[in-house]
Protein backbone atom coordinates (compact mmCIF):
# COMPACT_ATOMS: atom_id res chain seq x y z
CA UNK A 1 33.97 -35.83 59.44
CA UNK A 2 30.29 -36.74 59.95
CA UNK A 3 28.89 -36.53 63.47
CA UNK A 4 27.53 -40.08 63.28
CA UNK A 5 29.34 -43.38 62.90
CA UNK A 6 27.92 -46.67 61.69
CA UNK A 7 27.47 -49.49 64.16
CA UNK A 8 29.67 -51.67 61.98
CA UNK A 9 32.58 -49.21 62.15
CA UNK A 10 32.00 -48.82 65.88
CA UNK A 11 32.16 -52.58 66.39
CA UNK A 12 35.30 -52.96 64.26
CA UNK A 13 37.03 -50.06 65.98
CA UNK A 14 36.33 -51.65 69.35
CA UNK A 15 37.23 -55.22 68.51
CA UNK A 16 39.97 -54.67 65.93
CA UNK A 17 42.84 -53.52 68.18
CA UNK A 18 42.45 -56.52 70.48
CA UNK A 19 45.02 -59.27 69.92
CA UNK A 20 43.10 -61.96 71.80
CA UNK A 21 40.89 -64.51 70.09
CA UNK A 22 37.98 -62.86 71.88
CA UNK A 23 38.69 -59.66 69.98
CA UNK A 24 38.83 -61.29 66.55
CA UNK A 25 35.66 -63.25 67.25
CA UNK A 26 33.98 -60.04 68.37
CA UNK A 27 34.89 -58.37 65.10
CA UNK A 28 33.47 -61.27 63.11
CA UNK A 29 30.23 -61.48 65.09
CA UNK A 30 29.57 -57.79 65.12
CA UNK A 31 30.67 -57.10 61.55
CA UNK A 32 28.00 -59.54 60.39
CA UNK A 33 25.35 -58.88 62.99
CA UNK A 34 25.54 -55.12 63.04
CA UNK A 35 25.33 -54.94 59.26
CA UNK A 36 21.99 -56.66 59.67
CA UNK A 37 20.99 -54.50 62.63
CA UNK A 38 21.85 -51.26 60.89
CA UNK A 39 19.88 -52.28 57.82
CA UNK A 40 16.81 -53.15 59.89
CA UNK A 41 16.86 -50.15 62.21
CA UNK A 42 18.38 -47.52 59.94
CA UNK A 43 20.11 -46.38 63.12
CA UNK A 44 23.32 -44.45 63.63
CA UNK A 45 24.95 -43.49 66.87
CA UNK A 46 26.08 -40.05 67.96
CA UNK A 47 29.79 -40.30 68.80
CA UNK A 48 29.14 -38.54 72.11
CA UNK A 49 27.03 -41.46 73.24
CA UNK A 50 30.00 -43.83 73.23
CA UNK A 51 32.24 -41.65 75.35
CA UNK A 52 33.43 -42.39 78.86
CA UNK A 53 31.63 -45.08 80.80
CA UNK A 54 29.35 -46.05 77.92
CA UNK A 55 32.34 -46.61 75.62
CA UNK A 56 33.97 -48.89 78.21
CA UNK A 57 30.67 -50.69 78.55
CA UNK A 58 30.49 -51.29 74.79
CA UNK A 59 34.06 -52.64 74.72
CA UNK A 60 33.35 -55.12 77.50
CA UNK A 61 30.00 -56.10 76.04
CA UNK A 62 31.53 -56.78 72.62
CA UNK A 63 34.01 -59.25 74.08
CA UNK A 64 31.34 -60.89 76.25
CA UNK A 65 29.05 -61.47 73.30
CA UNK A 66 31.98 -62.87 71.34
CA UNK A 67 32.88 -65.25 74.14
CA UNK A 68 29.28 -66.45 74.35
CA UNK A 69 29.06 -66.93 70.58
CA UNK A 70 32.33 -68.87 70.47
CA UNK A 71 31.27 -71.05 73.40
CA UNK A 72 28.07 -72.00 71.62
CA UNK A 73 29.55 -72.12 68.10
CA UNK A 74 27.05 -69.53 67.00
CA UNK A 75 29.26 -67.17 65.01
CA UNK A 76 27.01 -65.24 62.64
CA UNK A 77 23.92 -67.17 63.75
CA UNK A 78 20.42 -65.68 64.15
CA UNK A 79 21.11 -65.51 67.90
CA UNK A 80 24.11 -63.25 67.34
CA UNK A 81 22.05 -61.11 64.99
CA UNK A 82 19.29 -60.83 67.58
CA UNK A 83 21.83 -59.77 70.17
CA UNK A 84 23.21 -57.07 67.94
CA UNK A 85 19.77 -55.87 66.89
CA UNK A 86 18.74 -55.40 70.51
CA UNK A 87 22.04 -53.63 71.15
CA UNK A 88 21.58 -51.34 68.16
CA UNK A 89 17.99 -50.60 69.09
CA UNK A 90 18.88 -49.61 72.62
CA UNK A 91 21.64 -47.29 71.43
CA UNK A 92 19.55 -45.79 68.65
CA UNK A 93 16.64 -45.00 70.92
CA UNK A 94 18.87 -43.68 73.70
CA UNK A 95 17.42 -46.02 76.35
CA UNK A 96 13.81 -45.63 75.22
CA UNK A 97 13.88 -49.33 74.38
CA UNK A 98 12.91 -51.85 77.05
CA UNK A 99 12.88 -55.63 77.06
CA UNK A 100 9.17 -55.40 76.25
CA UNK A 101 9.53 -53.04 73.25
CA UNK A 102 12.90 -53.93 71.75
CA UNK A 103 12.56 -54.77 68.03
CA UNK A 104 13.75 -58.36 68.39
CA UNK A 105 11.43 -61.22 67.46
CA UNK A 106 11.39 -63.50 69.23
CA UNK A 107 13.25 -62.93 72.49
CA UNK A 108 14.25 -66.55 72.24
CA UNK A 109 17.54 -66.41 74.10
CA UNK A 110 18.18 -65.05 77.62
CA UNK A 111 21.33 -63.34 76.37
CA UNK A 112 19.19 -61.03 74.24
CA UNK A 113 17.13 -59.86 77.20
CA UNK A 114 20.29 -59.41 79.27
CA UNK A 115 22.03 -57.36 76.59
CA UNK A 116 19.03 -55.11 76.03
CA UNK A 117 18.66 -54.62 79.78
CA UNK A 118 22.35 -53.81 80.10
CA UNK A 119 22.36 -51.39 77.15
CA UNK A 120 19.26 -49.65 78.43
CA UNK A 121 20.52 -49.23 81.98
CA UNK A 122 23.94 -48.07 80.77
CA UNK A 123 22.44 -45.42 78.53
CA UNK A 124 20.13 -44.31 81.33
CA UNK A 125 23.32 -43.83 83.30
CA UNK A 126 22.85 -46.91 85.46
CA UNK A 127 25.02 -50.02 85.60
CA UNK A 128 23.71 -53.36 84.43
CA UNK A 129 24.83 -54.92 87.67
CA UNK A 130 21.72 -55.37 89.76
CA UNK A 131 19.27 -57.81 88.25
CA UNK A 132 17.57 -59.90 90.94
CA UNK A 133 14.07 -60.35 89.58
CA UNK A 134 11.32 -58.90 91.76
CA UNK A 135 10.77 -60.56 95.13
CA UNK A 136 8.79 -63.77 94.79
CA UNK A 137 7.15 -65.98 97.39
CA UNK A 138 6.47 -69.70 97.47
CA UNK A 139 4.40 -71.39 100.15
CA UNK A 140 6.79 -74.36 100.08
CA UNK A 141 9.78 -72.27 101.20
CA UNK A 142 11.16 -73.68 104.45
CA UNK A 143 12.00 -71.40 107.36
CA UNK A 144 15.14 -71.67 109.47
CA UNK A 145 13.18 -71.18 112.72
CA UNK A 146 11.71 -74.67 112.24
CA UNK A 147 15.12 -76.30 112.65
CA UNK A 148 16.87 -74.28 115.34
CA UNK A 149 16.47 -74.34 119.11
CA UNK A 150 15.67 -70.84 120.35
CA UNK A 151 18.45 -70.90 122.93
CA UNK A 152 20.97 -71.49 120.14
CA UNK A 153 20.00 -68.24 118.43
CA UNK A 154 21.21 -66.17 121.37
CA UNK A 155 24.57 -67.96 121.62
CA UNK A 156 26.34 -66.23 118.74
CA UNK A 157 29.50 -64.12 119.22
CA UNK A 158 29.21 -60.33 119.44
CA UNK A 159 31.06 -60.04 116.14
CA UNK A 160 32.17 -62.19 113.23
CA UNK A 161 35.14 -60.83 111.31
CA UNK A 162 34.61 -61.07 107.56
CA UNK A 163 36.73 -63.90 106.19
CA UNK A 164 39.27 -63.00 103.53
CA UNK A 165 39.77 -65.17 100.46
CA UNK A 166 43.01 -65.79 98.62
CA UNK A 167 41.82 -64.58 95.23
CA UNK A 168 39.72 -61.61 94.18
CA UNK A 169 35.97 -61.99 94.59
CA UNK A 170 35.33 -61.03 90.99
CA UNK A 171 32.13 -59.74 89.39
CA UNK A 172 31.22 -63.22 88.08
CA UNK A 173 29.27 -61.78 85.16
CA UNK A 174 27.38 -59.18 87.20
CA UNK A 175 29.17 -56.18 85.73
CA UNK A 176 26.88 -55.98 82.73
CA UNK A 177 24.17 -58.62 83.15
CA UNK A 178 21.54 -59.35 85.75
CA UNK A 179 23.02 -62.57 87.17
CA UNK A 180 23.49 -61.24 90.72
CA UNK A 181 21.54 -64.13 92.31
CA UNK A 182 24.07 -66.49 90.72
CA UNK A 183 27.09 -64.24 91.37
CA UNK A 184 26.14 -64.20 95.07
CA UNK A 185 26.05 -68.01 95.05
CA UNK A 186 29.49 -68.05 93.43
CA UNK A 187 30.82 -65.74 96.12
CA UNK A 188 29.44 -68.11 98.77
CA UNK A 189 31.25 -71.01 97.10
CA UNK A 190 34.47 -68.99 97.16
CA UNK A 191 33.97 -68.32 100.85
CA UNK A 192 33.32 -71.98 101.71
CA UNK A 193 36.39 -73.30 99.87
CA UNK A 194 38.54 -74.86 102.58
CA UNK A 195 42.22 -73.80 102.80
CA UNK A 196 44.55 -76.37 101.32
CA UNK A 197 41.84 -78.15 99.32
CA UNK A 198 41.05 -77.89 95.62
CA UNK A 199 39.11 -74.73 94.97
CA UNK A 200 35.75 -74.94 93.21
CA UNK A 201 35.78 -73.63 89.64
CA UNK A 202 34.17 -70.33 90.56
CA UNK A 203 34.76 -68.51 87.30
CA UNK A 204 32.67 -66.04 85.36
CA UNK A 205 32.06 -68.68 82.68
CA UNK A 206 30.88 -71.25 85.27
CA UNK A 207 28.59 -68.86 87.13
CA UNK A 208 27.20 -67.06 84.10
CA UNK A 209 26.81 -70.36 82.25
CA UNK A 210 24.68 -71.69 85.12
CA UNK A 211 22.60 -68.52 85.00
CA UNK A 212 21.94 -68.93 81.27
CA UNK A 213 21.01 -72.59 81.69
CA UNK A 214 18.62 -71.68 84.51
CA UNK A 215 16.98 -69.03 82.35
CA UNK A 216 16.53 -71.58 79.56
CA UNK A 217 14.95 -74.06 81.98
CA UNK A 218 12.63 -71.44 83.46
CA UNK A 219 11.51 -70.31 80.02
CA UNK A 220 10.76 -73.92 79.13
CA UNK A 221 8.86 -74.44 82.38
CA UNK A 222 11.28 -77.12 83.55
CA UNK A 223 11.13 -75.95 87.15
CA UNK A 224 7.36 -76.36 87.38
CA UNK A 225 5.63 -74.32 90.05
CA UNK A 226 8.92 -73.38 91.62
CA UNK A 227 9.82 -71.08 88.74
CA UNK A 228 8.92 -67.50 89.74
CA UNK A 229 11.12 -65.44 87.42
CA UNK A 230 9.41 -63.45 84.69
CA UNK A 231 10.04 -64.71 81.16
CA UNK A 232 10.87 -61.15 80.10
CA UNK A 233 12.82 -60.16 83.20
CA UNK A 234 16.60 -59.90 82.79
CA UNK A 235 17.09 -61.35 86.27
CA UNK A 236 16.24 -64.52 88.20
CA UNK A 237 14.53 -64.52 91.59
CA UNK A 238 16.47 -65.61 94.65
CA UNK A 239 14.15 -68.60 95.13
CA UNK A 240 14.66 -69.80 91.56
CA UNK A 241 18.43 -69.36 91.90
CA UNK A 242 18.51 -71.22 95.23
CA UNK A 243 16.43 -74.03 93.82
CA UNK A 244 18.75 -74.35 90.82
CA UNK A 245 21.77 -74.27 93.13
CA UNK A 246 20.30 -77.14 95.16
CA UNK A 247 19.03 -79.34 92.33
CA UNK A 248 21.55 -78.71 89.54
CA UNK A 249 24.47 -76.86 91.10
CA UNK A 250 26.54 -73.73 90.50
CA UNK A 251 30.30 -73.91 89.93
CA UNK A 252 30.20 -77.73 90.16
CA UNK A 253 28.61 -77.76 93.61
CA UNK A 254 25.09 -78.35 94.88
CA UNK A 255 23.89 -77.09 98.23
CA UNK A 256 21.96 -79.56 100.38
CA UNK A 257 19.15 -77.21 101.40
CA UNK A 258 18.16 -73.59 101.91
CA UNK A 259 15.76 -71.80 104.22
CA UNK A 260 14.38 -68.31 104.79
CA UNK A 261 15.68 -66.27 107.74
CA UNK A 262 13.82 -63.58 109.76
CA UNK A 263 15.57 -60.61 108.16
CA UNK A 264 14.46 -57.98 110.69
CA UNK A 265 15.79 -59.78 113.77
CA UNK A 266 19.48 -59.07 114.55
CA UNK A 267 19.80 -62.31 116.53
CA UNK A 268 18.74 -64.41 113.54
CA UNK A 269 20.94 -62.46 111.14
CA UNK A 270 23.94 -63.02 113.43
CA UNK A 271 23.07 -66.72 113.71
CA UNK A 272 22.85 -67.09 109.94
CA UNK A 273 26.26 -65.53 109.33
CA UNK A 274 27.99 -67.26 112.26
CA UNK A 275 26.70 -70.80 111.67
CA UNK A 276 26.45 -70.91 107.88
CA UNK A 277 29.37 -68.65 106.92
CA UNK A 278 27.14 -66.21 105.08
CA UNK A 279 23.59 -65.06 104.55
CA UNK A 280 22.12 -64.83 101.05
CA UNK A 281 20.32 -61.49 100.79
CA UNK A 282 18.13 -59.55 98.35
CA UNK A 283 18.12 -55.75 98.68
CA UNK A 284 15.84 -53.26 96.94
CA UNK A 285 18.53 -50.63 96.50
CA UNK A 286 17.58 -46.94 96.28
CA UNK A 287 18.63 -44.85 93.29
CA UNK A 288 20.94 -42.87 95.58
CA UNK A 289 23.41 -45.78 95.82
CA UNK A 290 23.23 -46.76 92.13
CA UNK A 291 24.45 -43.55 90.47
CA UNK A 292 25.26 -42.93 86.79
CA UNK A 293 28.24 -44.92 85.42
CA UNK A 294 28.92 -46.43 88.82
CA UNK A 295 31.85 -48.76 89.46
CA UNK A 296 32.48 -50.62 92.70
CA UNK A 297 35.15 -48.07 93.60
CA UNK A 298 32.79 -45.14 93.07
CA UNK A 299 29.60 -46.69 94.46
CA UNK A 300 28.24 -44.74 97.44
CA UNK A 301 28.41 -46.01 100.98
CA UNK A 302 25.76 -48.34 102.39
CA UNK A 303 26.46 -47.02 105.88
CA UNK A 304 23.86 -44.22 105.80
CA UNK A 305 20.21 -44.43 104.79
CA UNK A 306 19.71 -41.96 101.90
CA UNK A 307 17.01 -39.33 102.29
CA UNK A 308 14.59 -37.80 99.79
CA UNK A 309 13.14 -39.31 96.63
CA UNK A 310 16.40 -41.07 95.72
CA UNK A 311 16.29 -42.87 99.06
CA UNK A 312 13.14 -44.82 98.29
CA UNK A 313 13.18 -48.57 97.72
CA UNK A 314 13.47 -49.05 93.96
CA UNK A 315 12.29 -52.46 92.67
CA UNK A 316 14.26 -52.15 89.41
CA UNK A 317 17.44 -51.97 91.54
CA UNK A 318 16.73 -55.32 93.20
CA UNK A 319 20.14 -56.82 93.93
CA UNK A 320 21.47 -60.01 95.56
CA UNK A 321 24.54 -60.10 97.84
CA UNK A 322 25.94 -62.22 100.64
CA UNK A 323 26.67 -61.00 104.17
CA UNK A 324 29.87 -62.54 105.55
CA UNK A 325 30.45 -60.68 108.81
CA UNK A 326 29.10 -58.26 111.41
CA UNK A 327 30.47 -56.13 114.24
CA UNK A 328 29.19 -55.36 117.73
CA UNK A 329 27.13 -52.46 116.36
CA UNK A 330 25.49 -54.76 113.77
CA UNK A 331 27.29 -53.21 110.83
CA UNK A 332 27.27 -55.96 108.22
CA UNK A 333 29.91 -56.84 105.62
CA UNK A 334 28.38 -57.48 102.21
CA UNK A 335 30.13 -59.03 99.21
CA UNK A 336 28.96 -57.36 96.02
CA UNK A 337 30.31 -56.24 92.65
CA UNK A 338 33.68 -57.86 93.23
CA UNK A 339 34.44 -56.42 96.68
CA UNK A 340 33.16 -55.95 100.23
CA UNK A 341 30.96 -53.13 101.41
CA UNK A 342 30.14 -52.11 104.99
CA UNK A 343 26.37 -52.05 105.42
CA UNK A 344 24.73 -50.43 108.43
CA UNK A 345 21.84 -52.10 110.26
CA UNK A 346 19.46 -49.19 109.45
CA UNK A 347 20.36 -49.56 105.74
CA UNK A 348 19.69 -53.29 105.96
CA UNK A 349 16.36 -52.72 107.72
CA UNK A 350 15.17 -50.26 105.10
CA UNK A 351 16.23 -52.14 101.98
CA UNK A 352 16.41 -55.87 102.72
CA UNK A 353 13.56 -57.76 101.01
CA UNK A 354 14.65 -61.38 101.48
CA UNK A 355 17.24 -63.36 103.44
CA UNK A 356 18.18 -67.03 103.26
CA UNK A 357 20.85 -69.45 104.41
CA UNK A 358 22.26 -72.26 102.28
CA UNK A 359 23.42 -75.55 103.78
CA UNK A 360 26.74 -76.16 102.08
CA UNK A 361 27.26 -79.76 103.18
CA UNK A 362 24.66 -82.06 104.76
CA UNK A 363 27.44 -84.07 106.42
CA UNK A 364 28.55 -81.10 108.52
CA UNK A 365 25.56 -79.76 110.45
CA UNK A 366 25.95 -76.26 111.92
CA UNK A 367 25.75 -76.23 115.70
CA UNK A 368 22.18 -75.99 116.97
CA UNK A 369 20.56 -76.86 113.62
CA UNK A 370 18.43 -79.99 113.16
CA UNK A 371 19.65 -80.89 109.70
CA UNK A 372 17.97 -84.31 109.68
CA UNK A 373 14.50 -82.78 110.05
CA UNK A 374 15.39 -80.06 107.56
CA UNK A 375 16.39 -82.53 104.84
CA UNK A 376 13.25 -84.60 105.42
CA UNK A 377 11.16 -81.48 104.92
CA UNK A 378 13.09 -80.69 101.74
CA UNK A 379 12.15 -84.12 100.38
CA UNK A 380 8.49 -83.57 101.33
CA UNK A 381 8.44 -80.12 99.70
CA UNK A 382 9.74 -81.59 96.45
CA UNK A 383 6.71 -83.88 96.27
CA UNK A 384 4.20 -81.14 97.09
């Protein structure tokens, strides 16, 4: 038996055994698209490269691409072919391909950039589950300090127990693609859902669909000066995600406002979590906590600050989470990758790049917050 297998056979072997419609669609998309990809790249894949975690990754990715193609009625379309070509190129070059160099022309769809990013990081031995675009600033960003009386900041409880939710948090698309700024928003919506009331449709399709629409709008320049995400980046900045959440909505809900929080001050971090239910946070994770073929269950602790070269802030590991609780020692509870993770204050201090709060409902002002002034400033900022 030859040591290489064609991409077409690989795709069929992955999708064929599945009984679901997703599986049959995957076979159709990849049978067509990978024929084209193989012809253009002349690439074959060493069987060893699809073992273990990478094989599982390919299985999941195949179904995801199929679901996307079915949703958009693009079976066998140029978009599907572009997706497969990027996928084939990343495999063939064993992660030497980046979003900038992948042989796909043009990168006209955000899915293509996401898939290439995910393939590349998987083959490098890293998960495609970070993805917040590099930290961006905007001089119109409002600050929470402008709307809170100082005495209110010191009136928070010594601890806030992380609230449980009835269902699983879920990855919300962040297992393989860089939608973490939108997944974090989805997790906040899950947290805010009141007991006994209809739950918001916080599904992977809803959250990831919003992410794709936001990428399309940013590429088209629809967000004007607010758009800070790179056209070629597989992720979206926190500010762009928050702005989309406020103006368009994620999972059928729009927040009323958002504001930056002093991330290095424990009193303000406590206030954010206590009064708003959660804080929306961007971390520049070190390589030490994003190991090869990581899953949530195997991801290292965020309780200790890693030492050495692997403990440095790594911009390509930029990742968005929400904090939903803290204890008397300022250990924080983060929601990420479908679960909760205890995060020490020293870890937060070393790796937190940005922190925000989102106002879920303008009709219910958090204690000590001047929401009226805040909303007026939001309206002014929109006109600036």
